[in-house]
């Protein structure tokens, strides 16, 4: 019993860390793409790079729950509803904190470590079937 819970926790930590880093990399790439679009067309006004920035926001919002779900399924773990929903909420909260403070690389990695550990704990909770 203990070993299966520990294994599930480790999978949750690993999947959460991978989801956070992947999403952050995609977001940074999209932001760089938006900046390059603005530099390529400096007379484009407000609309220059808007599409690229919008795609960056969509990636930040949608990738984490998708990657959490897919990663845990690839690890052959089911019933990850709490990890996916609360992990997504934590990710949104985390990104508002990182954006407000313009976190350094070390602070970003510490945020990701906290996200991964909390993701591991969330992966331990599974819905129970009603008795009857």
N, C-alpha and C. Protein backbone atom coordinates (compact mmCIF):
# COMPACT_ATOMS: atom_id res chain seq x y z
N UNK A 1 0.83 -1.20 0.00
CA UNK A 1 0.00 0.00 0.00
C UNK A 1 0.87 1.25 0.00
N UNK A 2 1.85 1.28 0.90
CA UNK A 2 2.70 2.45 0.99
C UNK A 2 3.51 2.65 -0.28
N UNK A 3 4.00 1.57 -0.84
CA UNK A 3 4.83 1.71 -2.03
C UNK A 3 4.02 2.20 -3.23
N UNK A 4 2.76 1.80 -3.35
CA UNK A 4 1.96 2.29 -4.47
C UNK A 4 1.62 3.77 -4.30
N UNK A 5 1.40 4.20 -3.06
CA UNK A 5 1.13 5.63 -2.82
C UNK A 5 2.38 6.46 -3.08
N UNK A 6 3.54 5.95 -2.65
CA UNK A 6 4.79 6.65 -2.90
C UNK A 6 5.06 6.74 -4.39
N UNK A 7 4.80 5.67 -5.10
CA UNK A 7 4.99 5.63 -6.55
C UNK A 7 4.07 6.65 -7.24
N UNK A 8 2.81 6.70 -6.82
CA UNK A 8 1.86 7.66 -7.39
C UNK A 8 2.30 9.09 -7.08
N UNK A 9 2.81 9.33 -5.87
CA UNK A 9 3.28 10.66 -5.51
C UNK A 9 4.46 11.07 -6.38
N UNK A 10 5.40 10.15 -6.57
CA UNK A 10 6.56 10.44 -7.41
C UNK A 10 6.15 10.72 -8.85
N UNK A 11 5.19 9.96 -9.34
CA UNK A 11 4.68 10.23 -10.70
C UNK A 11 4.04 11.61 -10.76
N UNK A 12 3.27 11.96 -9.74
CA UNK A 12 2.64 13.28 -9.70
C UNK A 12 3.66 14.40 -9.68
N UNK A 13 4.73 14.22 -8.90
CA UNK A 13 5.79 15.23 -8.84
C UNK A 13 6.46 15.36 -10.20
N UNK A 14 6.82 14.24 -10.79
CA UNK A 14 7.51 14.27 -12.09
C UNK A 14 6.66 14.87 -13.19
N UNK A 15 5.40 14.47 -13.25
CA UNK A 15 4.50 14.99 -14.29
C UNK A 15 4.25 16.48 -14.07
N UNK A 16 4.07 16.90 -12.82
CA UNK A 16 3.84 18.32 -12.53
C UNK A 16 5.05 19.16 -12.90
N UNK A 17 6.25 18.67 -12.58
CA UNK A 17 7.47 19.40 -12.93
C UNK A 17 7.62 19.50 -14.45
N UNK A 18 7.37 18.40 -15.14
CA UNK A 18 7.48 18.42 -16.60
C UNK A 18 6.44 19.35 -17.22
N UNK A 19 5.22 19.32 -16.70
CA UNK A 19 4.16 20.19 -17.23
C UNK A 19 4.51 21.66 -17.01
N UNK A 20 5.03 21.99 -15.84
CA UNK A 20 5.38 23.38 -15.55
C UNK A 20 6.51 23.86 -16.46
N UNK A 21 7.55 23.07 -16.59
CA UNK A 21 8.68 23.48 -17.41
C UNK A 21 8.32 23.56 -18.90
N UNK A 22 7.55 22.60 -19.37
CA UNK A 22 7.14 22.61 -20.77
C UNK A 22 6.27 23.82 -21.08
N UNK A 23 5.31 24.08 -20.22
CA UNK A 23 4.42 25.22 -20.44
C UNK A 23 5.19 26.53 -20.38
N UNK A 24 6.11 26.63 -19.44
CA UNK A 24 6.91 27.85 -19.32
C UNK A 24 7.78 28.05 -20.56
N UNK A 25 8.36 26.96 -21.07
CA UNK A 25 9.18 27.05 -22.28
C UNK A 25 8.33 27.50 -23.47
N UNK A 26 7.13 26.93 -23.62
CA UNK A 26 6.24 27.33 -24.71
C UNK A 26 5.86 28.79 -24.57
N UNK A 27 5.55 29.21 -23.35
CA UNK A 27 5.17 30.61 -23.12
C UNK A 27 6.33 31.56 -23.45
N UNK A 28 7.54 31.23 -23.00
CA UNK A 28 8.70 32.07 -23.31
C UNK A 28 8.93 32.15 -24.82
N UNK A 29 8.79 31.03 -25.51
CA UNK A 29 8.98 31.01 -26.96
C UNK A 29 7.94 31.87 -27.66
N UNK A 30 6.69 31.78 -27.21
CA UNK A 30 5.63 32.59 -27.81
C UNK A 30 5.82 34.07 -27.51
N UNK A 31 6.28 34.40 -26.32
CA UNK A 31 6.57 35.80 -26.00
C UNK A 31 7.72 36.34 -26.85
N UNK A 32 8.73 35.52 -27.06
CA UNK A 32 9.84 35.92 -27.94
C UNK A 32 9.34 36.13 -29.36
N UNK A 33 8.46 35.26 -29.81
CA UNK A 33 7.86 35.38 -31.14
C UNK A 33 7.07 36.68 -31.24
N UNK A 34 6.33 37.03 -30.19
CA UNK A 34 5.56 38.28 -30.19
C UNK A 34 6.50 39.49 -30.24
N UNK A 35 7.59 39.43 -29.48
CA UNK A 35 8.54 40.53 -29.46
C UNK A 35 9.18 40.70 -30.83
N UNK A 36 9.53 39.58 -31.48
CA UNK A 36 10.12 39.66 -32.82
C UNK A 36 9.12 40.21 -33.84
N UNK A 37 7.85 39.86 -33.69
CA UNK A 37 6.82 40.39 -34.59
C UNK A 37 6.68 41.90 -34.41
N UNK A 38 6.77 42.36 -33.18
CA UNK A 38 6.68 43.80 -32.92
C UNK A 38 7.89 44.52 -33.49
N UNK A 39 9.08 43.91 -33.38
CA UNK A 39 10.30 44.53 -33.90
C UNK A 39 10.31 44.53 -35.42
N UNK A 40 9.72 43.51 -36.03
CA UNK A 40 9.68 43.42 -37.49
C UNK A 40 8.75 44.46 -38.10
N UNK A 41 7.75 44.86 -37.35
CA UNK A 41 6.77 45.84 -37.84
C UNK A 41 6.54 46.90 -36.77
N UNK A 42 7.54 47.77 -36.53
CA UNK A 42 7.40 48.75 -35.46
C UNK A 42 6.29 49.78 -35.72
N UNK A 43 5.92 49.97 -36.98
CA UNK A 43 4.86 50.93 -37.31
C UNK A 43 3.49 50.27 -37.29
N UNK A 44 3.43 48.99 -36.90
CA UNK A 44 2.17 48.26 -36.88
C UNK A 44 1.23 48.70 -35.77
N UNK A 45 1.72 49.52 -34.86
CA UNK A 45 0.87 50.01 -33.77
C UNK A 45 0.62 48.93 -32.73
N UNK A 46 -0.55 49.03 -32.12
CA UNK A 46 -0.90 48.13 -31.03
C UNK A 46 -1.07 46.70 -31.53
N UNK A 47 -1.51 46.52 -32.75
CA UNK A 47 -1.79 45.18 -33.27
C UNK A 47 -0.56 44.35 -33.59
N UNK A 48 0.62 44.96 -33.67
CA UNK A 48 1.83 44.21 -34.01
C UNK A 48 2.18 43.27 -32.87
N UNK A 49 2.18 41.98 -33.16
CA UNK A 49 2.49 40.97 -32.17
C UNK A 49 1.32 40.57 -31.30
N UNK A 50 0.13 41.12 -31.57
CA UNK A 50 -1.04 40.80 -30.74
C UNK A 50 -1.41 39.33 -30.84
N UNK A 51 -1.43 38.79 -32.05
CA UNK A 51 -1.79 37.39 -32.23
C UNK A 51 -0.82 36.48 -31.49
N UNK A 52 0.46 36.79 -31.58
CA UNK A 52 1.47 35.98 -30.92
C UNK A 52 1.33 36.06 -29.40
N UNK A 53 1.05 37.25 -28.87
CA UNK A 53 0.84 37.40 -27.43
C UNK A 53 -0.41 36.67 -26.98
N UNK A 54 -1.45 36.72 -27.78
CA UNK A 54 -2.68 35.99 -27.44
C UNK A 54 -2.43 34.50 -27.41
N UNK A 55 -1.64 33.98 -28.35
CA UNK A 55 -1.30 32.56 -28.34
C UNK A 55 -0.48 32.19 -27.11
N UNK A 56 0.37 33.09 -26.65
CA UNK A 56 1.15 32.83 -25.44
C UNK A 56 0.23 32.70 -24.24
N UNK A 57 -0.76 33.56 -24.15
CA UNK A 57 -1.71 33.50 -23.03
C UNK A 57 -2.53 32.21 -23.10
N UNK A 58 -2.99 31.86 -24.29
CA UNK A 58 -3.76 30.61 -24.45
C UNK A 58 -2.91 29.42 -24.04
N UNK A 59 -1.64 29.41 -24.41
CA UNK A 59 -0.75 28.31 -24.04
C UNK A 59 -0.60 28.22 -22.53
N UNK A 60 -0.41 29.34 -21.86
CA UNK A 60 -0.23 29.34 -20.41
C UNK A 60 -1.48 28.80 -19.71
N UNK A 61 -2.63 29.14 -20.23
CA UNK A 61 -3.88 28.75 -19.57
C UNK A 61 -4.26 27.30 -19.87
N UNK A 62 -4.01 26.83 -21.07
CA UNK A 62 -4.54 25.52 -21.46
C UNK A 62 -3.55 24.36 -21.38
N UNK A 63 -2.26 24.61 -21.48
CA UNK A 63 -1.31 23.51 -21.56
C UNK A 63 -1.15 22.72 -20.26
N UNK A 64 -1.12 23.39 -19.13
CA UNK A 64 -0.88 22.68 -17.87
C UNK A 64 -1.92 21.61 -17.58
N UNK A 65 -3.23 21.92 -17.62
CA UNK A 65 -4.16 20.83 -17.33
C UNK A 65 -4.07 19.69 -18.34
N UNK A 66 -3.84 20.02 -19.59
CA UNK A 66 -3.71 18.99 -20.61
C UNK A 66 -2.48 18.12 -20.36
N UNK A 67 -1.36 18.74 -20.03
CA UNK A 67 -0.14 17.98 -19.78
C UNK A 67 -0.22 17.18 -18.49
N UNK A 68 -0.87 17.72 -17.46
CA UNK A 68 -1.05 16.95 -16.22
C UNK A 68 -1.87 15.70 -16.48
N UNK A 69 -2.98 15.87 -17.19
CA UNK A 69 -3.83 14.73 -17.48
C UNK A 69 -3.11 13.71 -18.35
N UNK A 70 -2.52 14.17 -19.46
CA UNK A 70 -1.85 13.26 -20.39
C UNK A 70 -0.65 12.57 -19.73
N UNK A 71 0.10 13.32 -18.95
CA UNK A 71 1.27 12.73 -18.29
C UNK A 71 0.89 11.63 -17.31
N UNK A 72 -0.14 11.87 -16.52
CA UNK A 72 -0.56 10.84 -15.56
C UNK A 72 -1.16 9.64 -16.28
N UNK A 73 -1.86 9.88 -17.37
CA UNK A 73 -2.40 8.75 -18.15
C UNK A 73 -1.26 7.94 -18.76
N UNK A 74 -0.21 8.61 -19.25
CA UNK A 74 0.94 7.89 -19.78
C UNK A 74 1.64 7.07 -18.70
N UNK A 75 1.55 7.54 -17.46
CA UNK A 75 2.12 6.81 -16.32
C UNK A 75 1.15 5.75 -15.79
N UNK A 76 0.05 5.55 -16.52
CA UNK A 76 -0.96 4.54 -16.18
C UNK A 76 -1.65 4.82 -14.85
N UNK A 77 -1.86 6.09 -14.55
CA UNK A 77 -2.59 6.49 -13.35
C UNK A 77 -3.93 7.08 -13.78
N UNK A 78 -4.98 6.67 -13.09
CA UNK A 78 -6.33 7.16 -13.37
C UNK A 78 -6.82 8.00 -12.21
N UNK A 79 -8.00 8.58 -12.40
CA UNK A 79 -8.65 9.38 -11.36
C UNK A 79 -7.76 10.54 -10.90
N UNK A 80 -7.39 11.36 -11.85
CA UNK A 80 -6.52 12.51 -11.58
C UNK A 80 -7.28 13.83 -11.60
N UNK A 81 -8.55 13.79 -11.30
CA UNK A 81 -9.40 14.98 -11.40
C UNK A 81 -8.90 16.11 -10.51
N UNK A 82 -8.55 15.77 -9.28
CA UNK A 82 -8.11 16.80 -8.35
C UNK A 82 -6.78 17.40 -8.79
N UNK A 83 -5.87 16.57 -9.23
CA UNK A 83 -4.58 17.06 -9.72
C UNK A 83 -4.77 18.00 -10.90
N UNK A 84 -5.61 17.63 -11.84
CA UNK A 84 -5.80 18.44 -13.04
C UNK A 84 -6.49 19.76 -12.70
N UNK A 85 -7.58 19.71 -11.94
CA UNK A 85 -8.33 20.95 -11.67
C UNK A 85 -7.61 21.87 -10.70
N UNK A 86 -7.16 21.34 -9.57
CA UNK A 86 -6.45 22.20 -8.62
C UNK A 86 -5.05 22.55 -9.10
N UNK A 87 -4.43 21.65 -9.87
CA UNK A 87 -3.13 21.97 -10.47
C UNK A 87 -3.25 23.13 -11.45
N UNK A 88 -4.34 23.13 -12.22
CA UNK A 88 -4.58 24.23 -13.15
C UNK A 88 -4.79 25.54 -12.38
N UNK A 89 -5.57 25.48 -11.31
CA UNK A 89 -5.82 26.69 -10.50
C UNK A 89 -4.52 27.18 -9.86
N UNK A 90 -3.71 26.25 -9.36
CA UNK A 90 -2.41 26.64 -8.77
C UNK A 90 -1.52 27.28 -9.83
N UNK A 91 -1.56 26.73 -11.03
CA UNK A 91 -0.72 27.26 -12.11
C UNK A 91 -1.12 28.70 -12.45
N UNK A 92 -2.43 28.96 -12.52
CA UNK A 92 -2.88 30.32 -12.81
C UNK A 92 -2.44 31.27 -11.70
N UNK A 93 -2.61 30.87 -10.46
CA UNK A 93 -2.19 31.69 -9.32
C UNK A 93 -0.69 31.90 -9.34
N UNK A 94 0.06 30.86 -9.61
CA UNK A 94 1.51 30.93 -9.68
C UNK A 94 1.95 31.92 -10.75
N UNK A 95 1.31 31.88 -11.90
CA UNK A 95 1.69 32.79 -12.98
C UNK A 95 1.36 34.23 -12.68
N UNK A 96 0.30 34.49 -11.94
CA UNK A 96 0.02 35.87 -11.56
C UNK A 96 1.09 36.37 -10.60
N UNK A 97 1.56 35.50 -9.71
CA UNK A 97 2.63 35.89 -8.79
C UNK A 97 3.94 36.12 -9.53
N UNK A 98 4.25 35.24 -10.47
CA UNK A 98 5.51 35.38 -11.21
C UNK A 98 5.47 36.63 -12.10
N UNK A 99 4.32 36.93 -12.69
CA UNK A 99 4.23 38.08 -13.57
C UNK A 99 4.32 39.39 -12.79
N UNK A 100 3.70 39.43 -11.61
CA UNK A 100 3.73 40.65 -10.80
C UNK A 100 5.12 40.96 -10.28
N UNK A 101 5.87 39.92 -9.93
CA UNK A 101 7.18 40.15 -9.32
C UNK A 101 8.32 40.07 -10.32
N UNK A 102 8.03 39.75 -11.57
CA UNK A 102 9.05 39.51 -12.59
C UNK A 102 10.19 38.70 -11.99
N UNK A 103 9.87 37.46 -11.67
CA UNK A 103 10.76 36.56 -10.94
C UNK A 103 12.03 36.25 -11.71
N UNK A 104 13.11 36.07 -10.96
CA UNK A 104 14.38 35.65 -11.56
C UNK A 104 14.31 34.16 -11.88
N UNK A 105 15.35 33.65 -12.52
CA UNK A 105 15.39 32.22 -12.86
C UNK A 105 15.36 31.35 -11.61
N UNK A 106 16.06 31.76 -10.56
CA UNK A 106 16.08 30.98 -9.31
C UNK A 106 14.68 30.98 -8.68
N UNK A 107 14.05 32.14 -8.62
CA UNK A 107 12.69 32.22 -8.06
C UNK A 107 11.72 31.40 -8.89
N UNK A 108 11.86 31.44 -10.21
CA UNK A 108 11.00 30.66 -11.09
C UNK A 108 11.15 29.18 -10.81
N UNK A 109 12.39 28.72 -10.67
CA UNK A 109 12.62 27.30 -10.36
C UNK A 109 12.07 26.91 -8.99
N UNK A 110 12.15 27.82 -8.03
CA UNK A 110 11.56 27.55 -6.71
C UNK A 110 10.04 27.45 -6.80
N UNK A 111 9.42 28.33 -7.59
CA UNK A 111 7.98 28.25 -7.83
C UNK A 111 7.64 26.89 -8.47
N UNK A 112 8.43 26.48 -9.45
CA UNK A 112 8.19 25.20 -10.12
C UNK A 112 8.36 24.02 -9.17
N UNK A 113 9.35 24.10 -8.28
CA UNK A 113 9.55 23.03 -7.31
C UNK A 113 8.35 22.93 -6.37
N UNK A 114 7.86 24.07 -5.91
CA UNK A 114 6.66 24.07 -5.05
C UNK A 114 5.46 23.52 -5.81
N UNK A 115 5.31 23.91 -7.07
CA UNK A 115 4.22 23.41 -7.89
C UNK A 115 4.31 21.89 -8.05
N UNK A 116 5.52 21.39 -8.29
CA UNK A 116 5.70 19.95 -8.46
C UNK A 116 5.39 19.19 -7.18
N UNK A 117 5.85 19.69 -6.04
CA UNK A 117 5.57 19.02 -4.77
C UNK A 117 4.08 19.02 -4.46
N UNK A 118 3.42 20.15 -4.66
CA UNK A 118 1.98 20.20 -4.43
C UNK A 118 1.23 19.32 -5.43
N UNK A 119 1.72 19.27 -6.66
CA UNK A 119 1.12 18.37 -7.64
C UNK A 119 1.24 16.92 -7.22
N UNK A 120 2.38 16.57 -6.61
CA UNK A 120 2.55 15.22 -6.10
C UNK A 120 1.54 14.89 -5.01
N UNK A 121 1.33 15.83 -4.10
CA UNK A 121 0.35 15.61 -3.05
C UNK A 121 -1.07 15.54 -3.60
N UNK A 122 -1.38 16.39 -4.58
CA UNK A 122 -2.71 16.34 -5.18
C UNK A 122 -2.96 15.03 -5.91
N UNK A 123 -1.91 14.44 -6.42
CA UNK A 123 -2.09 13.18 -7.15
C UNK A 123 -2.46 12.03 -6.22
N UNK A 124 -2.23 12.18 -4.93
CA UNK A 124 -2.57 11.12 -3.97
C UNK A 124 -4.06 11.00 -3.72
N UNK A 125 -4.79 12.08 -3.94
CA UNK A 125 -6.22 12.08 -3.65
C UNK A 125 -6.99 11.58 -4.85
N UNK A 126 -7.77 10.55 -4.63
CA UNK A 126 -8.57 9.94 -5.69
C UNK A 126 -10.02 9.94 -5.24
N UNK A 127 -10.93 10.14 -6.15
CA UNK A 127 -12.36 10.08 -5.76
C UNK A 127 -12.72 8.67 -5.32
N UNK A 128 -13.57 8.60 -4.33
CA UNK A 128 -14.01 7.28 -3.85
C UNK A 128 -15.42 7.01 -4.37
N UNK A 129 -15.66 5.76 -4.64
CA UNK A 129 -16.98 5.36 -5.12
C UNK A 129 -17.95 5.36 -3.94
N UNK A 130 -19.19 5.80 -4.15
CA UNK A 130 -20.17 5.77 -3.06
C UNK A 130 -20.51 4.34 -2.67
N UNK A 131 -20.67 4.15 -1.38
CA UNK A 131 -21.00 2.81 -0.89
C UNK A 131 -22.48 2.53 -1.08
N UNK A 132 -22.78 1.31 -1.32
CA UNK A 132 -24.19 1.01 -1.41
C UNK A 132 -24.56 -0.08 -2.32
